[in-house]
Each structure stands twice: as C-alpha cells, then as structure tokens.
Amino acid sequence: MRGREVLPLAKRGEKALWGELSINSTQRNERKPDMSYGIYVGKNLTADGSVFLAGYGDEPSSHWLEIVPAREHPPEATMTVGATHAAIYPGELIKIPQAARTAKYITMNYSAYAGFPAPLTNGGLNEYHVAGRDIWSPSRSELREMTPNPQRGPQYSDLSRIAMERARTAREAVEIIGGLIDQYGYTTYGGNSHLFADVNEGWILIEFAGGAGLWAAERLGPDDIRVSRPGYIGDIPLDYRDSPGYRGSPNLVFFAAERGWHNPYSGEPFNVNRIYGDGEMRHEAVAMMEERLAGLRGRIGLREMIAAVRDPELTRDSAGYGQVAHLREGVHPELGVLWVAAATPAAAPFIPYCLGATDIPPEYGWHRYLTEGESSRFMDAERQGIESTRYAFQSCKRLYYLTMEHPDNFCPEVAEALEAFESGLIARQEAVERTALKLYEADEPELARQYLTYYSHTEALNGLHLGETLSQSIEARTKALFGIRKPTG
C-alpha cells in the first residue's frame, strides 16, 4: 500500500526512536509518560495545495466523538475553567465570561487526565476550518516547582475548546488563548503546547508552568513542517510582540532575565525551548518524522498523513484516537472534513466527518468503558440505550490487543485491511462532497446535512464491522495456534 511504502516500518529488531517499542511479553507495557503527537504540513508541500493538521492524544481513559452545534449565549453567560485540588498541581475552579456565540465543531472528548474535570478535549475542527491539536511540552523543573497551590486560570483543554468555539483563523486562536492567559492566568499539568492551522498557515503556542502566565507562539508558514512530540519553539526575536511571525506574554523575556536564565544584552538569541522548556529542541524521533515528510515535498496527501499518524514507531495502546484535518481553500463551509480514528490508529480506520453532519452513531458516543468513576456506581437508566450498543473505542482496543499478542503474524494483515478500507473512502470523498454541494447550491441545506450525516454514519459502522470481523478471525487463529496468554502472579 502507498502509505506504508512512504513511511516504512522500523526494521525488525531495530530499536524504535519513540521509546521501547518491543512488544514481547516482558516489555509490552514499558513506555514513556503520556505525550500526545501533532503534525503540521504547509500548503506548498502537499499534493493538492491544502494544509494538514494531524495527530492523536495520549490518554488512558474513555474516548468519544462529538459534533458540537453552534450556540447562542446570553450576555451574562459564564463557563467554568481550571482544575480542582485533585490535579497533579492542585487548582481552583473559576468562572470566566462565555462568548455571545460559539461555533460548531467536531472533537474527540475523553474522560480523565491529570485530575482535570471531564470532558476534556485536544481540539478538532470548527466551522471556520480552524483545526487544533494539543501536545505535551514539558516546562523546566524550576517552573514546575514554583507553580502556586492552588493555581488558577483556564487549563489546556479549556483553552483548546475555547479556540474551537471562537477562532476564525489559526492566528486568532493564538490571540484568544494568549489574551485569556494574560487576563486570567493558566492552570498547568507541567507544560503544554497547541498546534493550530487554517487553510493558509499554522501556529504553535506553548504554555509554561510556574503561575507567571508565560506563553510563546510561532507562525508556521506554507513551506513548514512541524512535528510536536513534545512541542517546541526555538529562537525568537526580543521584539517578538512587534514581529508578525511571533507572539508571547508581555513578561516572556523579563521573567527569564530576572532569574538569570537569559541576558538580553548578551547578543545571544532567546531560545524558548532552552530557556523555558526541556532544552532538547527537536527530539531524535521528531527530526526523523519531519525529515521523512520533507522528503515527500509536493506529494503529501491524506494517505501519507494517515500513515504518519499510524506509524508503528509511535502509535500504540496509549494513542486514544487519531485525527487528520484536511484544510482546503474554496471549500463550502460545511464541507470541511476531519478524518477520525475511534481509537489507536494501529487498530482503527480513519472515517471522514464533514462539518455539515449533525451527529454521530451511538456506537461512537460516550460509554462507561474506561470512564473515570463509573465503576463505583450503577447504570444511569437514562443511558441504558447507549450502553446497549457496541462501543467503537472498546472494539478497536480489542483488535489492538489481539494483534499485538502476535504482531509478526497479524500486524501486516490488519494494516493492509485498514489501508484498503481508507483508500476506498478517499476515492469516494470527492463524489460525496460534489453530491452535497449540489444540494447546497439547490438551496436544500437540510438535505445536504442529512446526506452527509447518513454517509458518515454508514462508513463509521462499516469501519466498526471491519474491525470486529478482523477481531473474530484473529481471535480464532490465536486460540488455535497459540492459546490465550494469561497474566502471571
């Protein structure tokens, strides 16, 4: 398959760059701390002149897809942001004003991370075709240690959701988040970054621990590739607030100078990652993926982006889902599309969801499986209908575990099946969008939305059926050839 040829698997026996990838019985669960993954590719590097923003979130909880409608809010409306005392760095919830109107967006929610209140999100795609991803970006130890107790202000998920609700461009997403941090502060789990993109450009923004409201942002242009795992920003000008390609908190340079971390009169560049982050800049694996994609200049399309998110050197059980936002100029507002894998992309097909769709299948909605707190209470009768359905996230997890028990036997066929299924979807996508566009042009927007919803529902269920069929086949062969491995001790 094309995607696998473009981004080849690590050679058998070769150490993966993203940490221990060996999946034998003694090392299966060894991994680095949770750290999400994001990829930005500028429009001059892609096959069709589009911008791509892709990646996944690393979270050990339940995940569910949601299409959030546009909403109107009264003038006095507020929203609750921040964290509770249960967070890694204890916080205090506060209320901030809500916008008068919030945009429609597609997102993947999850139920638990770092003690922050659910539901949580890492971004998605909104009606203005602004896409967002959140990625871990560790702050230096001194900043983490000086984080106040309790801390106050919006946290990463609050900011990501607000950007999806309000931003009309990637640049505006940065300005909105930066303004909120400047005004209300920031609640950290140790350091975070955002990648935002629209049809023209991308931006990376990093929020630092410490309670001082420190943040920095850098523009990513049409010739840029940025892989974040973790997020990084290098040298920025000292007059960053007057430079069109940079943004940052007012105290960004002064705070570092006050603590002796940077001398603004030395002539040395202000390197954000060295001064406020882990100091490593591009980690080895990040450099590897950026260079792989750069080698495909002018040939990067959906297959290549999906392959980059599914790459076995970084995608495992911890990857809660996958997303690829395909950002194209001149597209009808409701034909912006987010491709979503319901669980780890190694065991879940990417399904296209257009912004005109109005809801998702119940199998892809919230279920109790892996949801924090659900094991201590009985079923809510209101939710009995949803719980009577299969759960795509759990089903894909099962396929992943079956495949990874004997990867040499089963990984190739699962990858081939997923890629073949996605190739069919990619081939049909143009016809789907043309059909919907004819309905919009005929002043039949509701029919267009019904059609897009029906299509995404149908293919989501087809993808679920594919995964379950693979699971049944692999389970039968596993029992016949190897038996089911049981835990010891």
Foldseek 3Di string as FASTA:
>chain_A
DVQCVLPPADPVPDAFQQHRLDCAPVCNPDHDPWKWKWKWAAQQQAQVSFIKIKTFGQDQFAKFKWWAAKDADDFADWDKAAFACQFPQHADIDIDHDDRMWWIFIWMWGFDDRRGHDGFTQFGATLLGKTKGKTFFAWDPVQQVQFDVHAWFHENRRLRRSLRGDPNAQVVSVVVSLVRCLPINYHYNGKMKMWMHARFWIKIKIAGHRRPSWMKMFIGGNRDMFMPRPDAFFFDDPVQCPDPGMDIDPCHVVVLVVVVLDDPPPPDTDTPCCRTGPNPGQRPVRVVLRVSSNVSGNHDDPSNSLSSRLHSSPFAQSRAKIKMFTHHPPADSQQGWIFIFLGGSLQGATFIATNLADTEDLLRRDDPVRRPPPVVDDDDPVCVVSNVDHHLSVLSSLLRVLCSNPVVVRSVVSVVVRSVLVVVVVVCSVVLSVVLVVCVVVVNSVVSNVSSNVVRRVSNVVRSVVSNVSSVVSVVVCCVPPRDDDDDD
